[in-house]
Amino acid sequence: MIIRLKLQMNLKTTKTSLNMENRVIVYTTTSEQEAYIVRDRLEAEGIDAMILDVKDHVSEVSGGFEIHVLKEQEDQAKLIVPQSAE
C-alpha cells in the first residue's frame, strides 16, 4: 500500500516551521472539518499548527488527518486540543 501525505497549512507557516523533525502530532481525526476547527483553534492561541492528510495513494481514500505542532509548543497545544473537540 502506498500512502500519500498531503500537507495543509495556512499562509502564516514559514519554511523553517515546515521541518517535520521539529513537529509532533497532538491530534488525529477522520473528519476533515474537525481537523480544520482544531487547527484554527490552536492558531488562534498563537500555536503554529498544520494538518497532515494521510491518504492511500492507490484508492485516494483518506486515512485521517493529523494535527502537527512545533515540539516546543506541544504542552500548550495539548491543553487546548481537548477543548476544541467538544
N, C-alpha and C. Protein backbone atom coordinates (compact mmCIF):
# COMPACT_ATOMS: atom_id res chain seq x y z
N MET A 1 0.84 -1.16 0.00
CA MET A 1 0.00 0.00 0.00
C MET A 1 0.90 1.24 0.00
N ILE A 2 0.61 2.14 -0.88
CA ILE A 2 1.35 3.40 -0.95
C ILE A 2 0.52 4.48 -0.27
N ILE A 3 1.13 5.18 0.65
CA ILE A 3 0.44 6.25 1.36
C ILE A 3 0.96 7.60 0.88
N ARG A 4 0.05 8.48 0.56
CA ARG A 4 0.42 9.84 0.15
C ARG A 4 0.02 10.78 1.27
N LEU A 5 0.92 11.64 1.63
CA LEU A 5 0.65 12.62 2.67
C LEU A 5 0.43 13.98 2.02
N LYS A 6 -0.63 14.63 2.38
CA LYS A 6 -0.93 15.96 1.86
C LYS A 6 -0.87 16.94 3.02
N LEU A 7 0.00 17.88 2.93
CA LEU A 7 0.19 18.87 3.98
C LEU A 7 -0.73 20.05 3.73
N GLN A 8 -1.51 20.39 4.74
CA GLN A 8 -2.43 21.51 4.62
C GLN A 8 -2.07 22.53 5.70
N MET A 9 -1.70 23.72 5.28
CA MET A 9 -1.29 24.73 6.23
C MET A 9 -1.84 26.08 5.79
N ASN A 10 -1.72 27.03 6.65
CA ASN A 10 -2.16 28.36 6.24
C ASN A 10 -0.95 29.18 5.82
N LEU A 11 -1.18 30.39 5.39
CA LEU A 11 -0.10 31.21 4.84
C LEU A 11 0.89 31.70 5.88
N LYS A 12 0.57 31.59 7.18
CA LYS A 12 1.48 32.04 8.22
C LYS A 12 2.63 31.05 8.47
N THR A 13 2.50 29.82 7.98
CA THR A 13 3.53 28.81 8.20
C THR A 13 4.77 29.19 7.40
N THR A 14 5.91 29.17 8.05
CA THR A 14 7.16 29.55 7.40
C THR A 14 7.95 28.33 6.97
N LYS A 15 8.96 28.54 6.11
CA LYS A 15 9.81 27.45 5.67
C LYS A 15 10.45 26.74 6.85
N THR A 16 10.91 27.49 7.83
CA THR A 16 11.56 26.92 9.00
C THR A 16 10.61 26.00 9.76
N SER A 17 9.36 26.39 9.87
CA SER A 17 8.42 25.59 10.64
C SER A 17 7.89 24.39 9.87
N LEU A 18 8.26 24.24 8.60
CA LEU A 18 7.84 23.09 7.82
C LEU A 18 8.67 21.84 8.12
N ASN A 19 9.81 21.99 8.75
CA ASN A 19 10.67 20.86 9.07
C ASN A 19 9.92 19.92 10.01
N MET A 20 9.53 18.75 9.51
CA MET A 20 8.71 17.82 10.29
C MET A 20 9.49 17.21 11.45
N GLU A 21 10.81 17.28 11.44
CA GLU A 21 11.60 16.76 12.56
C GLU A 21 11.36 17.60 13.82
N ASN A 22 10.92 18.83 13.64
CA ASN A 22 10.66 19.73 14.76
C ASN A 22 9.20 19.71 15.20
N ARG A 23 8.41 18.77 14.67
CA ARG A 23 6.97 18.75 14.93
C ARG A 23 6.52 17.44 15.57
N VAL A 24 5.42 17.51 16.29
CA VAL A 24 4.81 16.34 16.91
C VAL A 24 3.32 16.34 16.61
N ILE A 25 2.72 15.17 16.64
CA ILE A 25 1.28 15.02 16.44
C ILE A 25 0.59 15.25 17.78
N VAL A 26 -0.39 16.15 17.79
CA VAL A 26 -1.14 16.39 19.03
C VAL A 26 -2.61 16.00 18.90
N TYR A 27 -3.04 15.68 17.68
CA TYR A 27 -4.45 15.35 17.50
C TYR A 27 -4.62 14.59 16.19
N THR A 28 -5.50 13.60 16.19
CA THR A 28 -5.85 12.89 14.95
C THR A 28 -7.37 12.77 14.89
N THR A 29 -7.88 12.76 13.66
CA THR A 29 -9.32 12.64 13.45
C THR A 29 -9.56 12.10 12.04
N THR A 30 -10.73 11.56 11.83
CA THR A 30 -11.11 11.13 10.48
C THR A 30 -11.92 12.20 9.76
N SER A 31 -12.26 13.26 10.47
CA SER A 31 -13.08 14.34 9.92
C SER A 31 -12.20 15.52 9.48
N GLU A 32 -12.26 15.85 8.19
CA GLU A 32 -11.50 17.00 7.69
C GLU A 32 -11.99 18.29 8.35
N GLN A 33 -13.29 18.42 8.50
CA GLN A 33 -13.86 19.63 9.12
C GLN A 33 -13.35 19.77 10.56
N GLU A 34 -13.34 18.69 11.31
CA GLU A 34 -12.84 18.75 12.69
C GLU A 34 -11.37 19.12 12.73
N ALA A 35 -10.58 18.60 11.78
CA ALA A 35 -9.16 18.92 11.71
C ALA A 35 -8.96 20.43 11.53
N TYR A 36 -9.73 21.03 10.65
CA TYR A 36 -9.61 22.48 10.42
C TYR A 36 -10.04 23.28 11.66
N ILE A 37 -11.07 22.82 12.34
CA ILE A 37 -11.53 23.50 13.55
C ILE A 37 -10.44 23.47 14.62
N VAL A 38 -9.83 22.30 14.81
CA VAL A 38 -8.77 22.16 15.82
C VAL A 38 -7.55 23.01 15.44
N ARG A 39 -7.15 22.94 14.17
CA ARG A 39 -6.00 23.74 13.73
C ARG A 39 -6.26 25.23 13.95
N ASP A 40 -7.44 25.69 13.56
CA ASP A 40 -7.77 27.11 13.70
C ASP A 40 -7.80 27.53 15.17
N ARG A 41 -8.29 26.66 16.04
CA ARG A 41 -8.32 26.96 17.48
C ARG A 41 -6.90 27.09 18.02
N LEU A 42 -6.01 26.18 17.62
CA LEU A 42 -4.61 26.25 18.05
C LEU A 42 -3.95 27.53 17.56
N GLU A 43 -4.17 27.86 16.30
CA GLU A 43 -3.56 29.06 15.74
C GLU A 43 -4.11 30.34 16.38
N ALA A 44 -5.36 30.31 16.79
CA ALA A 44 -5.94 31.46 17.48
C ALA A 44 -5.23 31.71 18.82
N GLU A 45 -4.64 30.66 19.37
CA GLU A 45 -3.90 30.76 20.63
C GLU A 45 -2.40 30.98 20.39
N GLY A 46 -2.02 31.23 19.13
CA GLY A 46 -0.63 31.52 18.80
C GLY A 46 0.25 30.31 18.58
N ILE A 47 -0.35 29.16 18.36
CA ILE A 47 0.40 27.93 18.15
C ILE A 47 0.49 27.66 16.65
N ASP A 48 1.70 27.38 16.17
CA ASP A 48 1.94 27.08 14.76
C ASP A 48 1.51 25.64 14.50
N ALA A 49 0.33 25.46 13.91
CA ALA A 49 -0.24 24.13 13.69
C ALA A 49 -0.47 23.89 12.20
N MET A 50 -0.35 22.62 11.80
CA MET A 50 -0.65 22.25 10.42
C MET A 50 -1.36 20.92 10.38
N ILE A 51 -2.09 20.70 9.30
CA ILE A 51 -2.84 19.47 9.10
C ILE A 51 -2.08 18.60 8.10
N LEU A 52 -1.96 17.32 8.43
CA LEU A 52 -1.39 16.36 7.51
C LEU A 52 -2.49 15.38 7.15
N ASP A 53 -2.84 15.32 5.87
CA ASP A 53 -3.88 14.43 5.37
C ASP A 53 -3.20 13.14 4.91
N VAL A 54 -3.48 12.05 5.58
CA VAL A 54 -2.86 10.77 5.25
C VAL A 54 -3.82 10.02 4.32
N LYS A 55 -3.39 9.82 3.07
CA LYS A 55 -4.25 9.17 2.07
C LYS A 55 -3.58 7.94 1.48
N ASP A 56 -4.40 6.97 1.14
CA ASP A 56 -3.94 5.81 0.38
C ASP A 56 -3.81 6.28 -1.07
N HIS A 57 -2.61 6.25 -1.61
CA HIS A 57 -2.34 6.78 -2.94
C HIS A 57 -3.13 6.05 -4.03
N VAL A 58 -3.32 4.75 -3.88
CA VAL A 58 -3.99 3.97 -4.91
C VAL A 58 -5.49 4.23 -4.93
N SER A 59 -6.14 4.17 -3.78
CA SER A 59 -7.59 4.30 -3.74
C SER A 59 -8.07 5.73 -3.49
N GLU A 60 -7.13 6.63 -3.14
CA GLU A 60 -7.46 8.03 -2.83
C GLU A 60 -8.37 8.15 -1.62
N VAL A 61 -8.41 7.12 -0.78
CA VAL A 61 -9.22 7.14 0.43
C VAL A 61 -8.41 7.77 1.55
N SER A 62 -9.02 8.70 2.26
CA SER A 62 -8.33 9.36 3.36
C SER A 62 -8.14 8.40 4.52
N GLY A 63 -6.93 8.42 5.07
CA GLY A 63 -6.64 7.61 6.25
C GLY A 63 -6.79 8.43 7.51
N GLY A 64 -7.21 9.66 7.38
CA GLY A 64 -7.39 10.52 8.53
C GLY A 64 -6.57 11.79 8.41
N PHE A 65 -6.64 12.58 9.44
CA PHE A 65 -5.97 13.87 9.47
C PHE A 65 -5.21 13.99 10.78
N GLU A 66 -3.98 14.43 10.70
CA GLU A 66 -3.14 14.63 11.87
C GLU A 66 -2.86 16.11 12.04
N ILE A 67 -2.93 16.59 13.26
CA ILE A 67 -2.56 17.97 13.57
C ILE A 67 -1.16 17.94 14.16
N HIS A 68 -0.25 18.66 13.53
CA HIS A 68 1.14 18.73 13.96
C HIS A 68 1.45 20.13 14.48
N VAL A 69 2.20 20.20 15.58
CA VAL A 69 2.66 21.47 16.12
C VAL A 69 4.16 21.38 16.37
N LEU A 70 4.78 22.53 16.57
CA LEU A 70 6.19 22.55 16.90
C LEU A 70 6.40 21.89 18.27
N LYS A 71 7.50 21.16 18.42
CA LYS A 71 7.78 20.45 19.67
C LYS A 71 7.71 21.37 20.88
N GLU A 72 8.24 22.58 20.74
CA GLU A 72 8.25 23.49 21.89
C GLU A 72 6.86 24.01 22.25
N GLN A 73 5.87 23.79 21.39
CA GLN A 73 4.50 24.23 21.67
C GLN A 73 3.58 23.06 22.03
N GLU A 74 4.14 21.86 22.14
CA GLU A 74 3.34 20.66 22.37
C GLU A 74 2.52 20.73 23.66
N ASP A 75 3.14 21.08 24.77
CA ASP A 75 2.42 21.12 26.05
C ASP A 75 1.27 22.11 26.01
N GLN A 76 1.52 23.29 25.46
CA GLN A 76 0.47 24.31 25.34
C GLN A 76 -0.66 23.80 24.45
N ALA A 77 -0.31 23.15 23.34
CA ALA A 77 -1.31 22.64 22.40
C ALA A 77 -2.18 21.57 23.05
N LYS A 78 -1.58 20.71 23.84
CA LYS A 78 -2.35 19.63 24.47
C LYS A 78 -3.34 20.15 25.51
N LEU A 79 -3.09 21.34 26.03
CA LEU A 79 -4.07 21.94 26.94
C LEU A 79 -5.28 22.48 26.18
N ILE A 80 -5.08 22.83 24.92
CA ILE A 80 -6.12 23.45 24.10
C ILE A 80 -6.92 22.42 23.31
N VAL A 81 -6.28 21.41 22.80
CA VAL A 81 -6.91 20.44 21.90
C VAL A 81 -8.16 19.79 22.47
N PRO A 82 -8.19 19.30 23.71
CA PRO A 82 -9.42 18.69 24.19
C PRO A 82 -10.61 19.65 24.17
N GLN A 83 -10.36 20.94 24.37
CA GLN A 83 -11.44 21.92 24.32
C GLN A 83 -11.98 22.07 22.90
N SER A 84 -11.13 21.85 21.90
CA SER A 84 -11.53 22.01 20.51
C SER A 84 -12.46 20.92 20.04
N ALA A 85 -12.34 19.74 20.63
CA ALA A 85 -13.12 18.60 20.16
C ALA A 85 -14.53 18.56 20.74
N GLU A 86 -14.85 19.44 21.66
CA GLU A 86 -16.17 19.44 22.29
C GLU A 86 -17.26 19.94 21.36
